[in-house]
C-alpha cells in the first residue's frame, strides 16, 4: 500500500460499493451479517480513510488465521473484534490466498447518526478505536455469545422497524456493545499477564535508557509515541494496558521516572534545581518545579531540605 495517497470515503454507500457489499437501508448506519454474504468482500490494494466508525466481529471457521503481536502469534479461530474511528488509514488486502470462511458482523456508523445523543461524545472516549489492527479484542466463547446477541438485536431493529423509537433503541444497543467491549478489553489486559508483564519490563528498560544523561542530552524527554513505537504498540493501547495493570497511564509512568531521577539528584548531588531541570530535559526550570510539586506535594528545594536534616 506504499506509494499511494489514501482514498477518502465520505459515505457508507460509497464504502459498500467499493467493497462490493450490499446496499444500506439507512444513509447513516449499516449492519452486515458476514455469514449471509454470497461473495467475499472485494479486496482493495490502496490505503483508505473514511468519515465513518467501524465495529466488526469476525470468526474464522475454516482456516486459522494467525496474527503476530510483538514476539508472539495469536490464533484467530475464536471471535475477534476490531474498531476503526473516522480518519484512520487502513486497507483491505489480507495477503492470504486461501479461502477463509468467515462469520460475524460489521457495523458501520456515520457520526451524524449519533447527533444529539450522549454516545456522540462517549464514543470518543473509547481508546480501542485507535488501537492498531494487531491489538484486536479476542473474545472467549461466552463473550462472543454476548456480542453476537447484541449485533443480532441491532440487526433486527435495523431491518424490521422504522418508527420514531428505532434510532434511540439502536443507539442504546450500540452503547451496550461498546460497554461490553471495554469490559472484555480490560479482561484481556489482565488475563494475558505473561505477555503484558513482559511489556512492563521492557517499558522500564526503555525508560531507564531514555533517562540516561546521554539520551536526555541527545533526545530530550521521551514522548508516549516514541515509547509505544519502541514497544510496537499503539499509544492508546499501551496507556490502556498500563492503566489496567498499574493504575498509571504511559505519561504518568514517564513522569514517575522523571521524579525518581530528580529525587536521586536532589539527594545525592549539590546541583541546583535549574541544573537538575536541564539535565532531565526541561527547557524551563519552572516546568520541572511545577511537575515535581504536583507529583510530590513539595517543591524540589523542600524535598532536598527534608532529606538532609
Foldseek 3Di string as FASTA:
>chain_A
DPPDDAAEAEWPQVVCVQFVHDGAPDGFKHKDWCQPDPDGTHFDDGKYFYQKKKKWKKAFCPDWDWDDDQNDIDTRNAIWIAIAHGPDIDGGDPVDPDDTNMGTMMMMGRLVLCPPHPVSVVVVVQLRNVWDPSLIQGDDPVLVVVLRVLSVVLVCLRPPDDDPCSSVVNVVSVVVNSVSSLVSSLVVLVVVCVVNVVLVVVLVVVLVVCLDLVNCVVPNQDDLCVSCVVSVTHSSSQQSSCCSVPVGGPVVVSLVSLLVQLLCCLAPHPDDLQVSCVSRRHPDSVVVQVSNCVVPVDGSVVSSVVNPD
